[in-house]
Amino acid sequence: MTNPQSTSSNTLWISAGLKVSNNKSTKKAKEQLQILQQQTLKEKGCIFFDVLQNKEDSNLFTLWEQWVDEDALKQHFEQVHTKNYLAQSLTQVSYIEKLIKLS
């Protein structure tokens, strides 16, 4: 999704590592992450949202995200589709990095 505000100094990049939860299906986690991706890309404040699967360990995923600002990210966690994904407990967060671009 292209957003004219994407060059703003408030733009927030996220790198988040996820691991499939114990006793959960990697296939189901992948399917649900793809649904989350499709729905998140429709959010007004989302510039970029991609899901990557680790080539060597299929139970690990990385989310690459770009948001117009911190408020857009906060709104993301209030969306029904985000709450639905989180309620399934398919993955656990290994790390979250909030990043800004150097000029």
Protein backbone atom coordinates (compact mmCIF):
# COMPACT_ATOMS: atom_id res chain seq x y z
CA MET A 1 0.00 0.00 0.00
CA THR A 2 1.47 3.35 -0.94
CA ASN A 3 0.84 6.21 1.41
CA PRO A 4 1.89 9.82 0.79
CA GLN A 5 2.85 10.12 4.45
CA SER A 6 5.40 7.32 4.14
CA THR A 7 8.31 9.76 3.90
CA SER A 8 7.37 11.46 7.17
CA SER A 9 9.97 11.53 9.92
CA ASN A 10 7.38 9.79 12.11
CA THR A 11 7.42 6.65 9.96
CA LEU A 12 7.91 3.58 12.12
CA TRP A 13 9.47 0.32 10.96
CA ILE A 14 8.94 -2.91 12.87
CA SER A 15 10.87 -6.14 12.78
CA ALA A 16 9.18 -8.80 14.89
CA GLY A 17 10.28 -12.38 15.39
CA LEU A 18 7.65 -15.04 16.00
CA LYS A 19 7.94 -18.70 16.94
CA VAL A 20 5.15 -21.24 16.56
CA SER A 21 3.75 -22.02 20.01
CA ASN A 22 4.18 -25.49 21.50
CA ASN A 23 1.50 -27.94 20.35
CA LYS A 24 0.38 -25.59 17.56
CA SER A 25 0.49 -26.32 13.84
CA THR A 26 3.09 -24.52 11.73
CA LYS A 27 0.78 -24.86 8.73
CA LYS A 28 -2.10 -23.21 10.61
CA ALA A 29 0.16 -20.43 11.90
CA LYS A 30 1.37 -19.74 8.36
CA GLU A 31 -2.20 -19.67 7.00
CA GLN A 32 -3.39 -17.32 9.75
CA LEU A 33 -0.37 -15.03 9.36
CA GLN A 34 -1.15 -14.73 5.66
CA ILE A 35 -4.74 -13.76 6.50
CA LEU A 36 -3.45 -11.25 9.06
CA GLN A 37 -1.14 -9.80 6.41
CA GLN A 38 -3.94 -9.38 3.86
CA GLN A 39 -6.20 -7.65 6.37
CA THR A 40 -3.45 -5.47 7.87
CA LEU A 41 -2.46 -4.11 4.46
CA LYS A 42 -5.96 -2.59 4.24
CA GLU A 43 -5.41 -0.51 7.39
CA LYS A 44 -5.18 3.22 6.78
CA GLY A 45 -1.88 3.64 8.67
CA CYS A 46 -0.13 0.59 7.22
CA ILE A 47 2.47 1.30 4.55
CA PHE A 48 4.04 -2.15 4.39
CA PHE A 49 3.43 -5.49 6.10
CA ASP A 50 5.17 -8.68 5.05
CA VAL A 51 5.49 -12.11 6.61
CA LEU A 52 8.63 -14.14 6.06
CA GLN A 53 9.28 -17.74 7.07
CA ASN A 54 12.73 -18.81 8.19
CA LYS A 55 14.35 -20.98 5.53
CA GLU A 56 16.15 -23.23 8.04
CA ASP A 57 13.48 -23.46 10.75
CA SER A 58 9.90 -23.40 9.48
CA ASN A 59 8.62 -22.68 13.01
CA LEU A 60 10.15 -19.18 12.89
CA PHE A 61 8.65 -16.14 11.17
CA THR A 62 9.65 -12.51 10.83
CA LEU A 63 7.18 -9.69 10.35
CA TRP A 64 8.50 -6.65 8.44
CA GLU A 65 6.20 -3.70 8.89
CA GLN A 66 6.10 0.00 8.12
CA TRP A 67 3.56 2.35 9.70
CA VAL A 68 2.85 6.05 9.16
CA ASP A 69 3.49 6.60 12.88
CA GLU A 70 3.34 5.02 16.33
CA ASP A 71 -0.39 5.75 16.62
CA ALA A 72 -1.09 3.69 13.49
CA LEU A 73 0.69 0.74 15.08
CA LYS A 74 -1.33 1.18 18.28
CA GLN A 75 -4.53 1.20 16.19
CA HIS A 76 -3.39 -2.04 14.52
CA PHE A 77 -3.62 -3.83 17.86
CA GLU A 78 -7.19 -2.58 18.30
CA GLN A 79 -8.37 -4.11 15.00
CA VAL A 80 -10.64 -7.16 15.08
CA HIS A 81 -8.39 -9.14 12.73
CA THR A 82 -5.35 -8.52 14.94
CA LYS A 83 -7.22 -9.49 18.09
CA ASN A 84 -8.55 -12.62 16.36
CA TYR A 85 -5.04 -13.68 15.36
CA LEU A 86 -3.61 -13.06 18.82
CA ALA A 87 -6.50 -14.92 20.51
CA GLN A 88 -5.49 -18.11 18.70
CA SER A 89 -2.07 -18.16 20.47
CA LEU A 90 -0.49 -19.75 17.40
CA THR A 91 2.81 -17.93 17.83
CA GLN A 92 4.90 -16.37 20.57
CA VAL A 93 6.84 -13.16 20.13
CA SER A 94 10.60 -13.68 20.30
CA TYR A 95 11.49 -10.03 19.80
CA ILE A 96 10.12 -6.72 18.58
CA GLU A 97 12.34 -3.99 17.19
CA LYS A 98 10.93 -0.50 16.63
CA LEU A 99 13.11 1.19 14.05
CA ILE A 100 13.46 4.57 12.38
CA LYS A 101 15.16 5.25 9.10
CA LEU A 102 18.34 7.29 9.05
CA SER A 103 17.57 10.40 7.00
